[in-house]
């Protein structure tokens, strides 16, 4: 039997039988499983999207459907006076500061002041050795007496020559020569007198006195030193403390209001505060202003005068100056915390009698401290929301506490910042609203 016979027999045994089923390959199976996973993931995402679309949106139009009235704090608009003030940083500047220097050279033999002492005009400060200047004065006095004697003798001789000339006993030339001699001695006497006066002046310079009333600082030289006129530091610096001034700058846009008040004869009050703007240091008045505007900054300098009896103001001290320009009487005022800003501009949430709120656009006026005046949009007695306005909208119901927070009268309220805008002091309650 050859090798082909078994194969023929094998084929013969399968004649008439159905073919065996073929098993699917492993790659097709993996594809089917991956497709099933993807379809399941897509179905889950679709379910989540559909659920989120039907869920209530926080802060949306239905936020008041289930929460009920929003609790808020309200204030009532009142009539009051609002101070129109201008603020700026200022520097305490003395009206007079004198560096005491010697006007002659010599040894400093005595110092008669104490550092930090308050002295008055004419008080003795220091002494320079006067002996050399006294000797010089005596010398010039002797020279003056000699020339005065020569002048007297020349005048006597001139009188004699005048008489002899009238008698035609001498020549005119002799008389003219004597007259010239008299003029020479007269000039010498005048020169001697000037030397004497200068020597006396130098002697007076040896006794140094205070030119102003003020407080002395730290001495620059000690007793026993040789001082000269070209010493840069001098002996001591005296600063006038009472009265004292504060110089501050304001924008040129404020000039019309200031000049109008000054031309009316008004005295503008200026108050100064410390760096933290908590403690009032002194109250004074506007003294004068500069005669030109600084073109680099667009500001003008002003000087305010203060008595400074308690010496609360110290030279070169930085302060916050507030100048009262005018007072707005009987204005409608509300707390600055009620001011909102959004699409309608500046507005408040006005509480209606049915305890719902409505958006009321307003026009702001000058502000003072925590109060701001309203030019239009509100009337005295209107209630506005001052706290809890974050989640309000037009027509929302509100719940009020048992008592409202009334707006204070605002008379002479002190502002908080040196350059705080008079129409924007509610900025810390700023809210960026869409369409309320």
Protein backbone atom coordinates (compact mmCIF):
# COMPACT_ATOMS: atom_id res chain seq x y z
CA UNK A 1 0.00 0.00 0.00
CA UNK A 2 1.34 3.37 -0.93
CA UNK A 3 1.17 6.58 1.10
CA UNK A 4 -1.92 7.81 -0.70
CA UNK A 5 -4.20 5.08 0.52
CA UNK A 6 -4.76 6.26 4.10
CA UNK A 7 -5.76 9.70 2.90
CA UNK A 8 -8.30 8.21 0.54
CA UNK A 9 -9.70 6.11 3.34
CA UNK A 10 -9.97 9.18 5.61
CA UNK A 11 -11.86 11.11 3.03
CA UNK A 12 -14.08 8.15 2.51
CA UNK A 13 -15.11 8.07 6.17
CA UNK A 14 -16.40 11.74 5.99
CA UNK A 15 -18.50 11.24 2.92
CA UNK A 16 -22.07 12.13 3.72
CA UNK A 17 -21.35 13.89 7.14
CA UNK A 18 -22.04 17.67 7.77
CA UNK A 19 -18.93 19.95 8.02
CA UNK A 20 -17.64 20.84 11.52
CA UNK A 21 -18.34 24.45 12.68
CA UNK A 22 -15.35 26.91 12.64
CA UNK A 23 -14.38 28.64 15.94
CA UNK A 24 -14.21 32.49 15.83
CA UNK A 25 -10.74 33.92 16.11
CA UNK A 26 -9.59 35.76 19.31
CA UNK A 27 -9.11 39.17 17.52
CA UNK A 28 -12.78 39.37 16.50
CA UNK A 29 -13.81 38.62 20.05
CA UNK A 30 -11.72 41.46 21.49
CA UNK A 31 -13.23 43.93 19.04
CA UNK A 32 -16.72 43.03 20.05
CA UNK A 33 -15.93 43.46 23.75
CA UNK A 34 -14.33 46.90 23.17
CA UNK A 35 -17.35 48.06 21.18
CA UNK A 36 -19.65 47.04 23.98
CA UNK A 37 -17.61 49.03 26.53
CA UNK A 38 -17.68 52.15 24.34
CA UNK A 39 -21.42 51.96 23.91
CA UNK A 40 -21.90 51.59 27.67
CA UNK A 41 -19.70 54.66 28.32
CA UNK A 42 -21.61 56.77 25.82
CA UNK A 43 -24.87 55.77 27.40
CA UNK A 44 -23.57 56.83 30.87
CA UNK A 45 -22.41 60.23 29.61
CA UNK A 46 -25.75 60.85 27.94
CA UNK A 47 -27.53 59.98 31.18
CA UNK A 48 -25.40 62.43 33.20
CA UNK A 49 -25.91 65.26 30.71
CA UNK A 50 -29.65 64.71 30.71
CA UNK A 51 -29.72 64.71 34.50
CA UNK A 52 -27.67 67.90 34.79
CA UNK A 53 -29.94 69.69 32.34
CA UNK A 54 -33.01 68.88 34.38
CA UNK A 55 -31.38 69.61 37.77
CA UNK A 56 -32.17 73.05 39.39
CA UNK A 57 -29.38 75.58 38.71
CA UNK A 58 -27.90 77.41 41.75
CA UNK A 59 -28.37 81.13 41.42
CA UNK A 60 -30.64 80.67 38.41
CA UNK A 61 -34.11 81.91 37.78
CA UNK A 62 -35.67 79.26 40.08
CA UNK A 63 -33.48 79.96 43.09
CA UNK A 64 -36.29 81.70 44.92
CA UNK A 65 -38.77 78.92 44.24
CA UNK A 66 -37.91 76.84 47.27
CA UNK A 67 -35.69 79.04 49.50
CA UNK A 68 -38.29 81.58 50.61
CA UNK A 69 -37.59 85.25 51.52
CA UNK A 70 -33.92 86.24 51.72
CA UNK A 71 -32.86 87.66 55.12
CA UNK A 72 -31.40 91.15 54.72
CA UNK A 73 -30.51 94.20 56.81
CA UNK A 74 -32.10 97.49 55.81
CA UNK A 75 -31.51 101.17 56.46
CA UNK A 76 -33.82 104.12 56.09
CA UNK A 77 -32.86 107.17 54.06
CA UNK A 78 -32.69 110.29 56.25
CA UNK A 79 -32.13 114.00 55.95
CA UNK A 80 -28.74 115.17 57.13
CA UNK A 81 -25.76 117.48 56.58
CA UNK A 82 -22.84 116.20 54.50
CA UNK A 83 -19.41 117.78 54.77
CA UNK A 84 -17.78 118.38 51.38
CA UNK A 85 -14.12 117.83 52.14
CA UNK A 86 -10.93 117.51 50.15
CA UNK A 87 -8.14 115.26 51.38
CA UNK A 88 -4.44 115.06 50.65
CA UNK A 89 -1.13 114.05 52.15
CA UNK A 90 0.66 116.94 53.82
CA UNK A 91 3.96 117.81 55.45
CA UNK A 92 4.32 119.83 58.64
CA UNK A 93 6.44 122.85 57.71
CA UNK A 94 7.69 125.48 60.19
CA UNK A 95 7.08 129.12 59.41
CA UNK A 96 10.72 129.85 60.31
CA UNK A 97 13.84 127.71 60.62
CA UNK A 98 17.13 129.47 61.44
CA UNK A 99 20.63 128.02 61.45
CA UNK A 100 22.56 130.11 63.96
CA UNK A 101 26.04 130.84 62.58
CA UNK A 102 28.80 133.04 63.83
CA UNK A 103 29.44 136.26 61.93
CA UNK A 104 33.00 136.54 63.19
CA UNK A 105 35.83 134.12 63.83
CA UNK A 106 36.86 133.27 67.35
CA UNK A 107 36.86 130.80 70.19
CA UNK A 108 33.46 129.72 71.54
CA UNK A 109 33.82 130.47 75.23
CA UNK A 110 30.27 129.83 76.43
CA UNK A 111 27.08 128.00 75.38
CA UNK A 112 24.02 129.28 77.21
CA UNK A 113 21.27 127.00 75.86
CA UNK A 114 20.20 123.42 76.43
CA UNK A 115 19.33 121.08 73.59
CA UNK A 116 15.56 120.96 73.04
CA UNK A 117 14.99 124.16 75.02
CA UNK A 118 12.30 126.61 73.98
CA UNK A 119 13.78 130.09 73.69
CA UNK A 120 12.47 133.49 72.73
CA UNK A 121 13.67 136.28 70.49
CA UNK A 122 16.73 138.00 71.97
CA UNK A 123 17.65 135.21 74.40
CA UNK A 124 21.39 134.71 74.90
CA UNK A 125 22.75 131.64 73.10
CA UNK A 126 26.55 131.67 72.96
CA UNK A 127 29.62 133.86 73.58
CA UNK A 128 32.75 134.23 71.44
CA UNK A 129 35.98 135.52 72.96
CA UNK A 130 35.67 139.34 72.55
CA UNK A 131 39.14 140.45 73.67
CA UNK A 132 40.75 140.82 70.27
CA UNK A 133 37.76 142.76 68.98
CA UNK A 134 37.75 145.01 72.06
CA UNK A 135 41.42 145.81 71.45
CA UNK A 136 40.70 146.64 67.83
CA UNK A 137 37.88 148.95 68.91
CA UNK A 138 40.18 150.80 71.30
CA UNK A 139 42.72 151.26 68.52
CA UNK A 140 40.19 152.75 66.15
CA UNK A 141 38.85 155.02 68.89
CA UNK A 142 42.32 156.43 69.45
CA UNK A 143 42.82 157.02 65.77
CA UNK A 144 39.46 158.78 65.61
CA UNK A 145 40.35 161.13 68.45
CA UNK A 146 43.65 162.07 66.81
CA UNK A 147 42.04 162.89 63.47
CA UNK A 148 39.29 164.81 65.19
CA UNK A 149 41.92 166.98 66.92
CA UNK A 150 43.68 167.62 63.62
CA UNK A 151 40.38 168.56 62.04
CA UNK A 152 39.57 171.05 64.79
CA UNK A 153 43.01 172.69 64.44
CA UNK A 154 42.65 172.89 60.66
CA UNK A 155 39.24 174.53 60.99
CA UNK A 156 40.64 177.16 63.42
CA UNK A 157 43.44 177.99 61.00
CA UNK A 158 40.98 178.19 58.13
CA UNK A 159 38.93 180.76 60.07
CA UNK A 160 42.05 182.86 60.62
CA UNK A 161 42.97 182.69 56.95
CA UNK A 162 39.46 183.77 56.01
CA UNK A 163 39.86 186.90 58.18
CA UNK A 164 43.33 187.68 56.82
CA UNK A 165 42.13 187.19 53.27
CA UNK A 166 39.31 189.65 53.85
CA UNK A 167 41.96 192.16 54.96
CA UNK A 168 44.03 191.27 51.90
CA UNK A 169 46.89 190.23 54.19
CA UNK A 170 47.55 186.78 52.65
CA UNK A 171 47.28 185.22 49.28
CA UNK A 172 44.10 183.38 48.31
CA UNK A 173 46.14 180.28 47.53
CA UNK A 174 47.15 179.92 51.17
CA UNK A 175 43.55 180.12 52.25
CA UNK A 176 42.50 177.50 49.63
CA UNK A 177 45.26 175.16 50.74
CA UNK A 178 44.02 175.33 54.31
CA UNK A 179 40.48 174.64 53.21
CA UNK A 180 41.65 171.53 51.38
CA UNK A 181 43.47 170.39 54.51
CA UNK A 182 40.27 170.75 56.51
CA UNK A 183 38.43 168.52 54.02
CA UNK A 184 41.15 165.90 54.24
CA UNK A 185 40.93 165.73 58.02
CA UNK A 186 37.14 165.62 57.79
CA UNK A 187 37.37 162.57 55.50
CA UNK A 188 39.82 160.90 57.86
CA UNK A 189 37.48 161.44 60.77
CA UNK A 190 34.59 159.91 58.79
CA UNK A 191 36.73 156.88 57.91
CA UNK A 192 37.81 156.50 61.53
CA UNK A 193 34.21 156.63 62.66
CA UNK A 194 33.31 153.81 60.24
CA UNK A 195 36.15 151.68 61.63
CA UNK A 196 34.93 152.31 65.14
CA UNK A 197 31.36 151.36 64.24
CA UNK A 198 32.55 148.17 62.54
CA UNK A 199 34.65 147.24 65.55
CA UNK A 200 31.68 147.77 67.84
CA UNK A 201 29.55 145.61 65.54
CA UNK A 202 32.12 142.81 65.68
CA UNK A 203 32.13 143.12 69.42
CA UNK A 204 28.33 142.78 69.42
CA UNK A 205 28.62 139.69 67.23
CA UNK A 206 30.61 138.04 69.98
CA UNK A 207 27.37 137.92 72.00
CA UNK A 208 25.05 135.63 69.99
CA UNK A 209 21.30 135.88 70.65
CA UNK A 210 18.26 134.09 69.22
CA UNK A 211 16.66 135.77 66.19
CA UNK A 212 13.29 133.97 66.61
CA UNK A 213 11.15 132.22 69.19
CA UNK A 214 11.32 128.47 68.85
CA UNK A 215 12.89 125.22 69.91
CA UNK A 216 16.64 124.66 69.66
CA UNK A 217 17.93 121.41 68.24
CA UNK A 218 21.14 119.52 68.85
CA UNK A 219 24.20 121.74 69.04
CA UNK A 220 26.68 121.38 66.21
CA UNK A 221 29.82 122.54 68.10
CA UNK A 222 30.95 122.33 71.67
CA UNK A 223 32.25 125.01 73.98
CA UNK A 224 35.96 125.76 73.42
CA UNK A 225 35.93 125.19 69.63
CA UNK A 226 37.19 127.81 67.21
CA UNK A 227 34.28 128.86 65.00
CA UNK A 228 34.41 130.67 61.68
CA UNK A 229 31.95 132.32 59.38
CA UNK A 230 32.29 129.60 56.73
CA UNK A 231 31.27 126.74 59.05
CA UNK A 232 28.54 124.81 57.22
CA UNK A 233 26.64 123.42 60.20
CA UNK A 234 26.62 126.58 62.30
CA UNK A 235 26.21 126.41 66.06
CA UNK A 236 22.58 125.24 66.39
CA UNK A 237 19.29 125.18 64.45
CA UNK A 238 16.21 126.93 65.87
CA UNK A 239 12.77 125.91 64.61
CA UNK A 240 9.59 127.86 65.21
CA UNK A 241 6.96 125.52 66.67
CA UNK A 242 4.06 127.89 67.44
CA UNK A 243 2.32 128.58 65.16
CA UNK A 244 3.21 125.98 62.57
CA UNK A 245 1.91 125.18 59.10
CA UNK A 246 1.05 122.16 56.96
CA UNK A 247 1.69 122.21 53.22
CA UNK A 248 -0.40 119.88 51.04
CA UNK A 249 -1.31 119.64 47.36
CA UNK A 250 -4.71 119.33 45.70
CA UNK A 251 -5.64 118.68 42.05
CA UNK A 252 -6.22 121.75 39.96
CA UNK A 253 -9.82 120.61 39.34
CA UNK A 254 -10.63 121.54 42.94
CA UNK A 255 -9.48 125.13 42.56
CA UNK A 256 -12.81 126.63 41.40
CA UNK A 257 -14.65 125.46 44.50
CA UNK A 258 -11.87 126.67 46.81
CA UNK A 259 -11.50 130.06 45.13
CA UNK A 260 -15.26 130.59 45.19
CA UNK A 261 -15.36 130.09 48.94
CA UNK A 262 -12.32 132.28 49.54
CA UNK A 263 -13.77 135.13 47.47
CA UNK A 264 -16.90 134.91 49.59
CA UNK A 265 -14.73 135.63 52.62
CA UNK A 266 -15.09 132.16 54.11
CA UNK A 267 -12.48 130.68 56.43
CA UNK A 268 -11.81 127.12 55.33
CA UNK A 269 -11.19 124.70 58.18
CA UNK A 270 -8.38 122.16 57.83
CA UNK A 271 -8.00 119.13 60.10
CA UNK A 272 -4.95 116.89 60.14
CA UNK A 273 -4.81 113.23 61.16
CA UNK A 274 -1.99 110.84 61.87
CA UNK A 275 -0.74 108.23 59.42
CA UNK A 276 -3.48 105.75 60.37
CA UNK A 277 -6.16 108.46 60.05
CA UNK A 278 -7.57 107.52 63.42
CA UNK A 279 -6.29 110.29 65.68
CA UNK A 280 -6.99 113.94 64.92
CA UNK A 281 -3.81 115.88 65.65
CA UNK A 282 -4.92 119.47 65.18
CA UNK A 283 -7.48 121.76 63.61
CA UNK A 284 -6.51 124.96 61.82
CA UNK A 285 -7.43 127.11 58.86
CA UNK A 286 -6.29 127.63 55.30
CA UNK A 287 -3.71 130.41 55.23
CA UNK A 288 -2.79 130.78 51.57
CA UNK A 289 -2.10 128.91 48.35
CA UNK A 290 0.67 128.99 45.79
CA UNK A 291 0.45 131.44 42.90
CA UNK A 292 0.88 128.81 40.19
CA UNK A 293 0.00 125.22 39.35
CA UNK A 294 2.72 122.60 39.12
CA UNK A 295 2.61 121.62 35.44
CA UNK A 296 4.29 118.25 36.07
CA UNK A 297 1.65 117.00 38.54
CA UNK A 298 -1.36 119.22 37.82
CA UNK A 299 -1.62 120.18 41.49
CA UNK A 300 -1.42 123.36 43.51
CA UNK A 301 0.19 123.74 46.94
CA UNK A 302 -1.77 125.10 49.89
CA UNK A 303 -0.61 126.14 53.35
CA UNK A 304 -2.76 125.71 56.45
CA UNK A 305 -1.93 127.38 59.77
CA UNK A 306 -2.20 125.73 63.20
CA UNK A 307 -1.67 127.16 66.69
CA UNK A 308 0.06 123.96 67.82
CA UNK A 309 -0.11 124.91 71.47
CA UNK A 310 0.27 121.28 72.50
CA UNK A 311 3.04 120.75 69.91
CA UNK A 312 1.24 117.75 68.44
CA UNK A 313 2.60 118.72 65.02
CA UNK A 314 6.32 118.27 64.52
CA UNK A 315 8.42 119.67 61.65
CA UNK A 316 8.67 117.43 58.58
CA UNK A 317 5.97 115.11 59.93
CA UNK A 318 3.71 113.45 57.33
CA UNK A 319 0.01 113.92 58.04
CA UNK A 320 -3.34 113.46 56.31
CA UNK A 321 -4.99 116.82 55.73
CA UNK A 322 -8.74 117.22 55.28
CA UNK A 323 -10.06 120.62 54.22
CA UNK A 324 -13.75 121.42 54.70
CA UNK A 325 -14.82 123.29 51.57
CA UNK A 326 -18.58 123.42 52.11
CA UNK A 327 -21.49 121.73 53.88
CA UNK A 328 -24.42 120.24 51.98
CA UNK A 329 -27.42 120.89 54.22
CA UNK A 330 -30.61 118.78 54.41
CA UNK A 331 -29.41 116.18 51.92
CA UNK A 332 -30.85 112.68 51.58
CA UNK A 333 -28.21 110.31 52.96
CA UNK A 334 -27.86 106.54 53.17
CA UNK A 335 -25.04 104.22 54.28
CA UNK A 336 -22.43 103.71 51.60
CA UNK A 337 -22.80 99.93 52.05
CA UNK A 338 -26.18 100.14 50.29
CA UNK A 339 -24.60 101.30 47.03
CA UNK A 340 -24.49 98.62 44.31
CA UNK A 341 -22.97 98.78 40.84
CA UNK A 342 -23.96 96.75 37.82
CA UNK A 343 -25.64 96.92 34.44
CA UNK A 344 -28.03 99.77 35.40
CA UNK A 345 -25.07 101.75 36.73
CA UNK A 346 -25.22 102.85 40.34
CA UNK A 347 -28.31 101.53 42.10
CA UNK A 348 -29.78 100.31 45.38
CA UNK A 349 -32.24 97.60 46.29
CA UNK A 350 -35.32 99.50 47.41
CA UNK A 351 -37.60 97.61 49.79
CA UNK A 352 -41.27 98.03 48.86
CA UNK A 353 -44.15 97.88 51.37
CA UNK A 354 -44.86 94.25 50.47
CA UNK A 355 -41.29 93.30 51.53
CA UNK A 356 -40.04 92.73 48.02
CA UNK A 357 -37.12 94.59 46.49
CA UNK A 358 -36.83 96.56 43.32
CA UNK A 359 -33.78 97.91 41.56
CA UNK A 360 -33.70 101.71 41.93
CA UNK A 361 -31.02 103.61 39.91
CA UNK A 362 -29.64 106.58 41.85
CA UNK A 363 -27.32 109.54 41.36
CA UNK A 364 -24.64 109.93 44.02
CA UNK A 365 -23.57 113.17 45.64
CA UNK A 366 -20.73 114.00 48.05
CA UNK A 367 -19.88 111.43 50.71
CA UNK A 368 -18.67 111.82 54.28
CA UNK A 369 -17.41 108.86 56.22
CA UNK A 370 -19.85 105.95 56.00
CA UNK A 371 -22.65 108.10 54.60
CA UNK A 372 -23.24 109.19 51.03
CA UNK A 373 -25.70 111.77 49.78
CA UNK A 374 -28.21 110.98 47.04
CA UNK A 375 -28.92 113.59 44.40
CA UNK A 376 -31.82 111.72 42.81
CA UNK A 377 -33.55 108.35 43.01
CA UNK A 378 -34.45 108.22 46.72
CA UNK A 379 -36.54 110.18 49.18
CA UNK A 380 -36.31 110.39 52.96
CA UNK A 381 -38.07 107.40 54.48
CA UNK A 382 -37.20 104.95 51.70
CA UNK A 383 -35.75 101.68 52.94
CA UNK A 384 -32.73 100.18 51.19
CA UNK A 385 -30.78 96.95 51.64
CA UNK A 386 -27.38 97.44 53.27
CA UNK A 387 -26.46 93.79 53.92
CA UNK A 388 -27.49 90.61 52.15
CA UNK A 389 -27.79 92.01 48.62
CA UNK A 390 -25.50 89.40 47.07
CA UNK A 391 -28.29 87.03 46.06
CA UNK A 392 -31.07 89.52 45.40
CA UNK A 393 -32.77 90.35 42.14
CA UNK A 394 -35.61 92.57 41.08
CA UNK A 395 -38.85 91.41 42.71
CA UNK A 396 -37.24 89.04 45.21
CA UNK A 397 -38.98 88.70 48.60
CA UNK A 398 -36.92 89.64 51.65
CA UNK A 399 -37.16 89.03 55.37
CA UNK A 400 -36.29 91.93 57.66
CA UNK A 401 -35.19 91.83 61.29
CA UNK A 402 -37.44 93.36 63.92
CA UNK A 403 -35.73 96.78 63.62
CA UNK A 404 -34.03 98.41 60.65
CA UNK A 405 -30.68 100.13 60.75
CA UNK A 406 -31.45 103.84 60.29
CA UNK A 407 -29.04 106.06 58.41
CA UNK A 408 -27.24 108.45 60.74
CA UNK A 409 -27.59 112.15 60.20
CA UNK A 410 -24.01 112.46 58.95
CA UNK A 411 -23.33 115.87 60.36
CA UNK A 412 -19.61 116.56 60.14
CA UNK A 413 -18.69 112.92 59.69
CA UNK A 414 -14.97 112.36 59.37
CA UNK A 415 -13.82 110.64 56.17
CA UNK A 416 -11.56 107.59 56.22
CA UNK A 417 -9.05 108.19 53.42
CA UNK A 418 -6.92 111.14 52.26
CA UNK A 419 -7.88 110.78 48.63
CA UNK A 420 -11.09 108.78 48.96
CA UNK A 421 -13.53 109.65 46.19
CA UNK A 422 -16.53 111.57 47.38
CA UNK A 423 -18.79 109.50 45.16
CA UNK A 424 -17.29 106.08 45.67
CA UNK A 425 -16.90 105.35 49.35
CA UNK A 426 -19.13 102.30 49.06
CA UNK A 427 -16.55 100.64 46.84
CA UNK A 428 -15.79 97.90 49.33
CA UNK A 429 -19.43 96.73 48.87
CA UNK A 430 -18.93 96.67 45.13
CA UNK A 431 -20.93 93.92 43.47
CA UNK A 432 -20.58 92.96 39.79
CA UNK A 433 -24.13 92.16 38.79
CA UNK A 434 -25.47 91.19 35.47
CA UNK A 435 -29.02 92.19 34.74
CA UNK A 436 -30.49 92.50 38.27
